[in-house]
Amino acid sequence: MPNLPPGSPNTVNPAVTPTWAFTAPSASVISTISILNTGRTPVYVGGSQVTQNNGMLIPPGSRP
């Protein structure tokens, strides 16, 4: 990635890798899931149409 001076326009096309993380066993059972991001880029968690605008952010380096 080039070193751009402050104020330079920068367009980024994020990569999207959908992943099925969890299926609750039934509606009558209380279920929990812990999600952590050990990577260096943000991760967004949400429904099948999750985006940066409607997902829950899991910041880089986060822990449960």
C-alpha atoms as a PDB file:
ATOM      1  CA  MET A   1       0.000   0.000   0.000  1.00  0.00           C
ATOM      2  CA  PRO A   2       1.444   3.414  -0.927  1.00  0.00           C
ATOM      3  CA  ASN A   3       2.335   5.967   1.721  1.00  0.00           C
ATOM      4  CA  LEU A   4      -0.139   8.794   1.015  1.00  0.00           C
ATOM      5  CA  PRO A   5       0.186  12.247   2.586  1.00  0.00           C
ATOM      6  CA  PRO A   6      -2.554  13.424   5.002  1.00  0.00           C
ATOM      7  CA  GLY A   7      -5.761  14.481   3.244  1.00  0.00           C
ATOM      8  CA  SER A   8      -5.225  12.249   0.197  1.00  0.00           C
ATOM      9  CA  PRO A   9      -8.389  10.485  -1.008  1.00  0.00           C
ATOM     10  CA  ASN A  10      -8.265   6.740  -0.453  1.00  0.00           C
ATOM     11  CA  THR A  11     -10.784   4.193  -1.731  1.00  0.00           C
ATOM     12  CA  VAL A  12     -10.855   0.780  -0.081  1.00  0.00           C
ATOM     13  CA  ASN A  13     -12.777  -2.271  -1.242  1.00  0.00           C
ATOM     14  CA  PRO A  14     -13.092  -4.549   1.789  1.00  0.00           C
ATOM     15  CA  ALA A  15     -12.962  -8.291   1.298  1.00  0.00           C
ATOM     16  CA  VAL A  16     -16.005 -10.230   2.431  1.00  0.00           C
ATOM     17  CA  THR A  17     -15.822 -13.805   3.679  1.00  0.00           C
ATOM     18  CA  PRO A  18     -19.193 -14.981   4.973  1.00  0.00           C
ATOM     19  CA  THR A  19     -18.973 -17.608   7.690  1.00  0.00           C
ATOM     20  CA  TRP A  20     -21.684 -19.542   9.518  1.00  0.00           C
ATOM     21  CA  ALA A  21     -20.708 -19.196  13.186  1.00  0.00           C
ATOM     22  CA  PHE A  22     -23.561 -20.553  15.266  1.00  0.00           C
ATOM     23  CA  THR A  23     -26.967 -22.224  15.171  1.00  0.00           C
ATOM     24  CA  ALA A  24     -29.015 -22.263  18.374  1.00  0.00           C
ATOM     25  CA  PRO A  25     -30.237 -25.785  19.240  1.00  0.00           C
ATOM     26  CA  SER A  26     -33.829 -24.601  19.768  1.00  0.00           C
ATOM     27  CA  ALA A  27     -35.802 -21.501  20.677  1.00  0.00           C
ATOM     28  CA  SER A  28     -36.425 -22.814  24.211  1.00  0.00           C
ATOM     29  CA  VAL A  29     -32.719 -23.226  25.094  1.00  0.00           C
ATOM     30  CA  ILE A  30     -30.618 -20.268  26.269  1.00  0.00           C
ATOM     31  CA  SER A  31     -27.509 -20.147  24.080  1.00  0.00           C
ATOM     32  CA  THR A  32     -24.403 -17.964  24.080  1.00  0.00           C
ATOM     33  CA  ILE A  33     -21.436 -17.510  21.776  1.00  0.00           C
ATOM     34  CA  SER A  34     -18.120 -15.727  22.369  1.00  0.00           C
ATOM     35  CA  ILE A  35     -16.492 -14.095  19.367  1.00  0.00           C
ATOM     36  CA  LEU A  36     -12.958 -12.756  19.350  1.00  0.00           C
ATOM     37  CA  ASN A  37     -10.843 -11.251  16.615  1.00  0.00           C
ATOM     38  CA  THR A  38      -7.179 -12.185  16.847  1.00  0.00           C
ATOM     39  CA  GLY A  39      -6.504 -10.718  13.395  1.00  0.00           C
ATOM     40  CA  ARG A  40      -5.317  -7.289  12.330  1.00  0.00           C
ATOM     41  CA  THR A  41      -8.486  -6.157  10.511  1.00  0.00           C
ATOM     42  CA  PRO A  42     -12.001  -5.391  11.812  1.00  0.00           C
ATOM     43  CA  VAL A  43     -14.656  -8.121  11.666  1.00  0.00           C
ATOM     44  CA  TYR A  44     -18.403  -7.449  11.457  1.00  0.00           C
ATOM     45  CA  VAL A  45     -20.919  -9.917  12.849  1.00  0.00           C
ATOM     46  CA  GLY A  46     -24.563 -10.006  11.840  1.00  0.00           C
ATOM     47  CA  GLY A  47     -27.189 -11.656   9.704  1.00  0.00           C
ATOM     48  CA  SER A  48     -26.791 -13.065   6.220  1.00  0.00           C
ATOM     49  CA  GLN A  49     -26.672  -9.563   4.708  1.00  0.00           C
ATOM     50  CA  VAL A  50     -24.191  -8.107   7.222  1.00  0.00           C
ATOM     51  CA  THR A  51     -22.205  -5.027   6.182  1.00  0.00           C
ATOM     52  CA  GLN A  52     -20.010  -2.478   7.905  1.00  0.00           C
ATOM     53  CA  ASN A  53     -23.132  -0.319   8.290  1.00  0.00           C
ATOM     54  CA  ASN A  54     -25.418  -2.863   9.983  1.00  0.00           C
ATOM     55  CA  GLY A  55     -23.052  -5.351  11.654  1.00  0.00           C
ATOM     56  CA  MET A  56     -21.609  -5.496  15.131  1.00  0.00           C
ATOM     57  CA  LEU A  57     -17.915  -4.527  15.037  1.00  0.00           C
ATOM     58  CA  ILE A  58     -15.370  -6.927  16.546  1.00  0.00           C
ATOM     59  CA  PRO A  59     -12.197  -4.798  16.684  1.00  0.00           C
ATOM     60  CA  PRO A  60      -8.773  -6.244  15.818  1.00  0.00           C
ATOM     61  CA  GLY A  61      -7.050  -7.914  18.749  1.00  0.00           C
ATOM     62  CA  SER A  62     -10.254  -8.159  20.805  1.00  0.00           C
ATOM     63  CA  ARG A  63     -10.854 -10.842  23.415  1.00  0.00           C
ATOM     64  CA  PRO A  64     -14.118 -12.398  24.635  1.00  0.00           C
END
